[in-house]
Amino acid sequence: MGIDIGTAGILGALVVLNFVIVCISSSFYRRCAPNQAMIVSGMLSTDSGSIGANRCKVLIGGGTVVFPVIQQADYLSLEAESIVLEPKTPYVTKDGAQVKFKAVAQVKVNADTVSVLSAAELFLNKPVGHIAEVVSEILLAETRALAGTRTYTEILHDLRGFSQRVQENAICELTKMGLTIISFSIDEMDSSPALLQSMTFEAAMKQ
């Protein structure tokens, strides 16, 4: 016994409807790369946490359906960012020497839900370079504070240890922002010719 025309019509309509639903759902599907975090906010986005008063779902890599009108998807880079640090004014050491450090830091957003939400609240949709600006202020302040507890000679003879201590001092504050320091190193240390001349003279007198 064959299928009557009415039944065939209903089956055909269901096939077409299913095809339309699949096409629409596919057009709503958003992906993010492994080096990105996607923050979905709006209705039905209550899996991960919140940014302010907005409930959010965080995905790191992969993808999900984002419904138009009721939801919004934003992206946050998880790639490391290089920041060159050059102070506008010299640091003053414990013994009164004025020095400048040219340092380089590698910073990134931590790839976990809590960190992504913290970073998104501060940096999402902000101008390019905003993270670098904030991190620079923190690292420069920590460097200046630490330089005031060391003599010029102590810093000069232990630049690696000095750099490590600056990184350790800054990491707590940056963690609250969802950030981490991959590396921090001082590439150049400049001081005034008068200071170097004075130090050379003092070293000669001690011999």
C-alpha atoms as a PDB file:
ATOM      1  CA  MET A   1       0.000   0.000   0.000  1.00  0.00           C
ATOM      2  CA  GLY A   2       1.506   3.285  -1.087  1.00  0.00           C
ATOM      3  CA  ILE A   3       1.678   6.547   0.771  1.00  0.00           C
ATOM      4  CA  ASP A   4      -1.215   8.857   0.003  1.00  0.00           C
ATOM      5  CA  ILE A   5      -0.648  12.366  -1.299  1.00  0.00           C
ATOM      6  CA  GLY A   6      -1.495  14.036   2.048  1.00  0.00           C
ATOM      7  CA  THR A   7       1.015  11.957   4.002  1.00  0.00           C
ATOM      8  CA  ALA A   8       3.669  12.487   1.363  1.00  0.00           C
ATOM      9  CA  GLY A   9       3.057  16.222   1.549  1.00  0.00           C
ATOM     10  CA  ILE A  10       3.443  16.244   5.327  1.00  0.00           C
ATOM     11  CA  LEU A  11       6.663  14.237   5.143  1.00  0.00           C
ATOM     12  CA  GLY A  12       8.008  16.561   2.480  1.00  0.00           C
ATOM     13  CA  ALA A  13       7.145  19.607   4.560  1.00  0.00           C
ATOM     14  CA  LEU A  14       8.896  18.087   7.594  1.00  0.00           C
ATOM     15  CA  VAL A  15      12.027  17.407   5.531  1.00  0.00           C
ATOM     16  CA  VAL A  16      12.056  20.995   4.254  1.00  0.00           C
ATOM     17  CA  LEU A  17      11.406  22.365   7.746  1.00  0.00           C
ATOM     18  CA  ASN A  18      14.235  20.266   9.174  1.00  0.00           C
ATOM     19  CA  PHE A  19      16.550  21.498   6.417  1.00  0.00           C
ATOM     20  CA  VAL A  20      15.609  25.116   7.141  1.00  0.00           C
ATOM     21  CA  ILE A  21      16.213  24.638  10.888  1.00  0.00           C
ATOM     22  CA  VAL A  22      19.641  23.100  10.223  1.00  0.00           C
ATOM     23  CA  CYS A  23      20.579  25.970   7.879  1.00  0.00           C
ATOM     24  CA  ILE A  24      19.445  28.615  10.377  1.00  0.00           C
ATOM     25  CA  SER A  25      21.239  26.907  13.261  1.00  0.00           C
ATOM     26  CA  SER A  26      24.418  26.681  11.189  1.00  0.00           C
ATOM     27  CA  SER A  27      24.270  30.389  10.448  1.00  0.00           C
ATOM     28  CA  PHE A  28      24.038  31.075  14.206  1.00  0.00           C
ATOM     29  CA  TYR A  29      27.013  28.850  15.047  1.00  0.00           C
ATOM     30  CA  ARG A  30      30.122  30.791  16.110  1.00  0.00           C
ATOM     31  CA  ARG A  31      33.638  29.404  16.429  1.00  0.00           C
ATOM     32  CA  CYS A  32      36.714  30.633  18.259  1.00  0.00           C
ATOM     33  CA  ALA A  33      40.328  29.614  17.736  1.00  0.00           C
ATOM     34  CA  PRO A  34      42.418  27.841  20.415  1.00  0.00           C
ATOM     35  CA  ASN A  35      44.184  31.167  21.094  1.00  0.00           C
ATOM     36  CA  GLN A  36      40.881  32.964  21.705  1.00  0.00           C
ATOM     37  CA  ALA A  37      38.195  33.052  24.342  1.00  0.00           C
ATOM     38  CA  MET A  38      34.608  33.676  23.293  1.00  0.00           C
ATOM     39  CA  ILE A  39      32.320  35.353  25.803  1.00  0.00           C
ATOM     40  CA  VAL A  40      28.619  34.853  25.080  1.00  0.00           C
ATOM     41  CA  SER A  41      26.344  37.180  27.026  1.00  0.00           C
ATOM     42  CA  GLY A  42      22.591  37.639  27.161  1.00  0.00           C
ATOM     43  CA  MET A  43      19.633  35.353  27.740  1.00  0.00           C
ATOM     44  CA  LEU A  44      20.389  31.639  28.193  1.00  0.00           C
ATOM     45  CA  SER A  45      24.095  32.430  28.798  1.00  0.00           C
ATOM     46  CA  THR A  46      24.417  31.331  32.418  1.00  0.00           C
ATOM     47  CA  ASP A  47      27.009  28.547  32.383  1.00  0.00           C
ATOM     48  CA  SER A  48      30.261  30.251  33.351  1.00  0.00           C
ATOM     49  CA  GLY A  49      29.757  33.414  35.366  1.00  0.00           C
ATOM     50  CA  SER A  50      29.037  37.080  34.931  1.00  0.00           C
ATOM     51  CA  ILE A  51      30.503  40.399  33.854  1.00  0.00           C
ATOM     52  CA  GLY A  52      28.871  43.064  35.960  1.00  0.00           C
ATOM     53  CA  ALA A  53      25.136  42.372  35.848  1.00  0.00           C
ATOM     54  CA  ASN A  54      25.358  40.295  32.640  1.00  0.00           C
ATOM     55  CA  ARG A  55      25.411  36.524  32.823  1.00  0.00           C
ATOM     56  CA  CYS A  56      28.023  34.987  30.511  1.00  0.00           C
ATOM     57  CA  LYS A  57      29.265  31.743  29.048  1.00  0.00           C
ATOM     58  CA  VAL A  58      32.966  31.362  28.259  1.00  0.00           C
ATOM     59  CA  LEU A  59      34.419  29.101  25.585  1.00  0.00           C
ATOM     60  CA  ILE A  60      38.143  28.644  24.991  1.00  0.00           C
ATOM     61  CA  GLY A  61      38.437  27.210  21.514  1.00  0.00           C
ATOM     62  CA  GLY A  62      35.527  25.313  19.936  1.00  0.00           C
ATOM     63  CA  GLY A  63      32.168  26.894  19.214  1.00  0.00           C
ATOM     64  CA  THR A  64      28.534  27.276  20.173  1.00  0.00           C
ATOM     65  CA  VAL A  65      25.219  28.559  18.846  1.00  0.00           C
ATOM     66  CA  VAL A  66      24.721  32.273  19.471  1.00  0.00           C
ATOM     67  CA  PHE A  67      21.138  33.379  19.083  1.00  0.00           C
ATOM     68  CA  PRO A  68      20.712  36.806  17.470  1.00  0.00           C
ATOM     69  CA  VAL A  69      18.973  39.628  19.333  1.00  0.00           C
ATOM     70  CA  ILE A  70      18.986  37.838  22.707  1.00  0.00           C
ATOM     71  CA  GLN A  71      22.722  36.968  22.783  1.00  0.00           C
ATOM     72  CA  GLN A  72      26.030  38.590  21.889  1.00  0.00           C
ATOM     73  CA  ALA A  73      29.451  37.033  21.269  1.00  0.00           C
ATOM     74  CA  ASP A  74      32.716  38.872  21.973  1.00  0.00           C
ATOM     75  CA  TYR A  75      36.273  37.638  21.600  1.00  0.00           C
ATOM     76  CA  LEU A  76      39.344  38.046  23.797  1.00  0.00           C
ATOM     77  CA  SER A  77      42.845  37.133  22.603  1.00  0.00           C
ATOM     78  CA  LEU A  78      44.825  34.630  24.675  1.00  0.00           C
ATOM     79  CA  GLU A  79      48.050  35.263  22.767  1.00  0.00           C
ATOM     80  CA  ALA A  80      51.144  36.597  24.519  1.00  0.00           C
ATOM     81  CA  GLU A  81      51.793  40.315  24.062  1.00  0.00           C
ATOM     82  CA  SER A  82      55.255  41.891  24.143  1.00  0.00           C
ATOM     83  CA  ILE A  83      55.562  45.146  26.064  1.00  0.00           C
ATOM     84  CA  VAL A  84      58.636  47.372  25.957  1.00  0.00           C
ATOM     85  CA  LEU A  85      59.102  49.363  29.159  1.00  0.00           C
ATOM     86  CA  GLU A  86      61.062  52.615  29.078  1.00  0.00           C
ATOM     87  CA  PRO A  87      60.555  55.031  32.019  1.00  0.00           C
ATOM     88  CA  LYS A  88      60.101  58.717  31.235  1.00  0.00           C
ATOM     89  CA  THR A  89      62.104  59.693  34.327  1.00  0.00           C
ATOM     90  CA  PRO A  90      65.068  57.853  35.894  1.00  0.00           C
ATOM     91  CA  TYR A  91      64.679  55.462  38.795  1.00  0.00           C
ATOM     92  CA  VAL A  92      66.415  56.536  42.006  1.00  0.00           C
ATOM     93  CA  THR A  93      68.353  53.812  43.791  1.00  0.00           C
ATOM     94  CA  LYS A  94      68.891  53.453  47.539  1.00  0.00           C
ATOM     95  CA  ASP A  95      72.220  55.296  47.298  1.00  0.00           C
ATOM     96  CA  GLY A  96      70.768  58.141  45.229  1.00  0.00           C
ATOM     97  CA  ALA A  97      71.918  57.037  41.776  1.00  0.00           C
ATOM     98  CA  GLN A  98      69.635  57.843  38.848  1.00  0.00           C
ATOM     99  CA  VAL A  99      69.307  54.987  36.366  1.00  0.00           C
ATOM    100  CA  LYS A 100      67.001  53.914  33.571  1.00  0.00           C
ATOM    101  CA  PHE A 101      66.102  50.358  32.668  1.00  0.00           C
ATOM    102  CA  LYS A 102      64.859  49.274  29.267  1.00  0.00           C
ATOM    103  CA  ALA A 103      62.869  46.128  29.945  1.00  0.00           C
ATOM    104  CA  VAL A 104      60.703  43.742  27.944  1.00  0.00           C
ATOM    105  CA  ALA A 105      57.712  41.832  29.344  1.00  0.00           C
ATOM    106  CA  GLN A 106      55.617  39.033  27.867  1.00  0.00           C
ATOM    107  CA  VAL A 107      52.048  39.142  29.181  1.00  0.00           C
ATOM    108  CA  LYS A 108      48.856  37.244  28.355  1.00  0.00           C
ATOM    109  CA  VAL A 109      45.351  36.509  29.584  1.00  0.00           C
ATOM    110  CA  ASN A 110      45.228  33.250  31.546  1.00  0.00           C
ATOM    111  CA  ALA A 111      43.318  30.525  29.716  1.00  0.00           C
ATOM    112  CA  ASP A 112      40.763  29.690  32.406  1.00  0.00           C
ATOM    113  CA  THR A 113      37.184  30.817  32.902  1.00  0.00           C
ATOM    114  CA  VAL A 114      37.732  32.967  35.999  1.00  0.00           C
ATOM    115  CA  SER A 115      40.681  34.794  34.430  1.00  0.00           C
ATOM    116  CA  VAL A 116      38.880  35.342  31.132  1.00  0.00           C
ATOM    117  CA  LEU A 117      35.881  36.872  32.910  1.00  0.00           C
ATOM    118  CA  SER A 118      38.151  39.111  35.002  1.00  0.00           C
ATOM    119  CA  ALA A 119      40.087  40.253  31.940  1.00  0.00           C
ATOM    120  CA  ALA A 120      36.921  40.729  29.888  1.00  0.00           C
ATOM    121  CA  GLU A 121      35.427  43.019  32.515  1.00  0.00           C
ATOM    122  CA  LEU A 122      38.479  45.293  32.277  1.00  0.00           C
ATOM    123  CA  PHE A 123      39.709  44.946  28.705  1.00  0.00           C
ATOM    124  CA  LEU A 124      36.943  43.641  26.436  1.00  0.00           C
ATOM    125  CA  ASN A 125      36.259  45.927  23.447  1.00  0.00           C
ATOM    126  CA  LYS A 126      38.857  48.420  24.678  1.00  0.00           C
ATOM    127  CA  PRO A 127      41.283  50.080  22.207  1.00  0.00           C
ATOM    128  CA  VAL A 128      44.293  48.110  20.978  1.00  0.00           C
ATOM    129  CA  GLY A 129      47.162  48.554  23.409  1.00  0.00           C
ATOM    130  CA  HIS A 130      45.004  49.077  26.488  1.00  0.00           C
ATOM    131  CA  ILE A 131      46.343  45.945  28.207  1.00  0.00           C
ATOM    132  CA  ALA A 132      49.916  47.015  27.458  1.00  0.00           C
ATOM    133  CA  GLU A 133      49.232  50.464  28.894  1.00  0.00           C
ATOM    134  CA  VAL A 134      47.808  49.104  32.158  1.00  0.00           C
ATOM    135  CA  VAL A 135      50.531  46.473  32.576  1.00  0.00           C
ATOM    136  CA  SER A 136      53.261  49.032  31.819  1.00  0.00           C
ATOM    137  CA  GLU A 137      52.040  51.295  34.613  1.00  0.00           C
ATOM    138  CA  ILE A 138      52.092  48.415  37.098  1.00  0.00           C
ATOM    139  CA  LEU A 139      55.528  47.120  36.108  1.00  0.00           C
ATOM    140  CA  LEU A 140      57.093  50.579  36.012  1.00  0.00           C
ATOM    141  CA  ALA A 141      55.714  51.337  39.486  1.00  0.00           C
ATOM    142  CA  GLU A 142      57.014  48.024  40.866  1.00  0.00           C
ATOM    143  CA  THR A 143      60.425  48.601  39.274  1.00  0.00           C
ATOM    144  CA  ARG A 144      60.645  52.113  40.720  1.00  0.00           C
ATOM    145  CA  ALA A 145      59.663  50.921  44.196  1.00  0.00           C
ATOM    146  CA  LEU A 146      62.149  48.052  44.170  1.00  0.00           C
ATOM    147  CA  ALA A 147      64.979  50.219  42.806  1.00  0.00           C
ATOM    148  CA  GLY A 148      64.586  52.431  45.876  1.00  0.00           C
ATOM    149  CA  THR A 149      65.503  49.486  48.105  1.00  0.00           C
ATOM    150  CA  ARG A 150      68.700  48.547  46.231  1.00  0.00           C
ATOM    151  CA  THR A 151      71.991  50.315  45.635  1.00  0.00           C
ATOM    152  CA  TYR A 152      73.231  50.896  42.117  1.00  0.00           C
ATOM    153  CA  THR A 153      75.920  48.245  42.529  1.00  0.00           C
ATOM    154  CA  GLU A 154      73.478  45.652  43.896  1.00  0.00           C
ATOM    155  CA  ILE A 155      71.193  46.106  40.909  1.00  0.00           C
ATOM    156  CA  LEU A 156      74.047  46.095  38.405  1.00  0.00           C
ATOM    157  CA  HIS A 157      75.510  42.856  39.781  1.00  0.00           C
ATOM    158  CA  ASP A 158      72.181  41.024  39.956  1.00  0.00           C
ATOM    159  CA  LEU A 159      69.974  42.202  37.105  1.00  0.00           C
ATOM    160  CA  ARG A 160      68.395  38.768  36.720  1.00  0.00           C
ATOM    161  CA  GLY A 161      67.447  38.588  40.386  1.00  0.00           C
ATOM    162  CA  PHE A 162      66.160  42.157  40.279  1.00  0.00           C
ATOM    163  CA  SER A 163      64.011  41.354  37.228  1.00  0.00           C
ATOM    164  CA  GLN A 164      62.637  38.232  38.912  1.00  0.00           C
ATOM    165  CA  ARG A 165      61.685  40.187  42.023  1.00  0.00           C
ATOM    166  CA  VAL A 166      59.836  42.822  39.974  1.00  0.00           C
ATOM    167  CA  GLN A 167      57.907  40.035  38.244  1.00  0.00           C
ATOM    168  CA  GLU A 168      57.024  38.389  41.570  1.00  0.00           C
ATOM    169  CA  ASN A 169      55.847  41.691  43.049  1.00  0.00           C
ATOM    170  CA  ALA A 170      53.618  42.478  40.062  1.00  0.00           C
ATOM    171  CA  ILE A 171      52.074  39.039  39.526  1.00  0.00           C
ATOM    172  CA  CYS A 172      49.580  39.295  42.394  1.00  0.00           C
ATOM    173  CA  GLU A 173      47.990  42.475  41.075  1.00  0.00           C
ATOM    174  CA  LEU A 174      47.970  41.210  37.488  1.00  0.00           C
ATOM    175  CA  THR A 175      46.345  37.921  38.510  1.00  0.00           C
ATOM    176  CA  LYS A 176      43.349  39.886  39.807  1.00  0.00           C
ATOM    177  CA  MET A 177      42.969  41.218  36.259  1.00  0.00           C
ATOM    178  CA  GLY A 178      43.115  37.734  34.722  1.00  0.00           C
ATOM    179  CA  LEU A 179      46.668  38.297  33.433  1.00  0.00           C
ATOM    180  CA  THR A 180      49.979  36.556  33.927  1.00  0.00           C
ATOM    181  CA  ILE A 181      53.591  37.519  33.187  1.00  0.00           C
ATOM    182  CA  ILE A 182      55.365  34.923  31.077  1.00  0.00           C
ATOM    183  CA  SER A 183      58.676  36.748  31.314  1.00  0.00           C
ATOM    184  CA  PHE A 184      60.203  40.049  32.413  1.00  0.00           C
ATOM    185  CA  SER A 185      63.794  40.950  31.611  1.00  0.00           C
ATOM    186  CA  ILE A 186      65.942  44.065  31.745  1.00  0.00           C
ATOM    187  CA  ASP A 187      67.797  44.447  28.455  1.00  0.00           C
ATOM    188  CA  GLU A 188      69.584  47.735  29.062  1.00  0.00           C
ATOM    189  CA  MET A 189      70.632  49.694  32.130  1.00  0.00           C
ATOM    190  CA  ASP A 190      71.668  53.302  31.579  1.00  0.00           C
ATOM    191  CA  SER A 191      73.147  55.735  34.066  1.00  0.00           C
ATOM    192  CA  SER A 192      74.671  59.183  33.897  1.00  0.00           C
ATOM    193  CA  PRO A 193      78.344  59.548  32.839  1.00  0.00           C
ATOM    194  CA  ALA A 194      78.988  61.456  36.077  1.00  0.00           C
ATOM    195  CA  LEU A 195      77.792  58.485  38.134  1.00  0.00           C
ATOM    196  CA  LEU A 196      79.953  56.020  36.233  1.00  0.00           C
ATOM    197  CA  GLN A 197      82.966  58.324  36.582  1.00  0.00           C
ATOM    198  CA  SER A 198      82.350  58.624  40.326  1.00  0.00           C
ATOM    199  CA  MET A 199      82.034  54.864  40.743  1.00  0.00           C
ATOM    200  CA  THR A 200      85.242  54.258  38.754  1.00  0.00           C
ATOM    201  CA  PHE A 201      87.066  56.798  40.942  1.00  0.00           C
ATOM    202  CA  GLU A 202      85.805  55.159  44.158  1.00  0.00           C
ATOM    203  CA  ALA A 203      86.834  51.714  42.924  1.00  0.00           C
ATOM    204  CA  ALA A 204      90.314  53.018  42.085  1.00  0.00           C
ATOM    205  CA  MET A 205      90.697  54.588  45.522  1.00  0.00           C
ATOM    206  CA  LYS A 206      89.864  51.284  47.237  1.00  0.00           C
ATOM    207  CA  GLN A 207      92.644  49.458  45.401  1.00  0.00           C
END
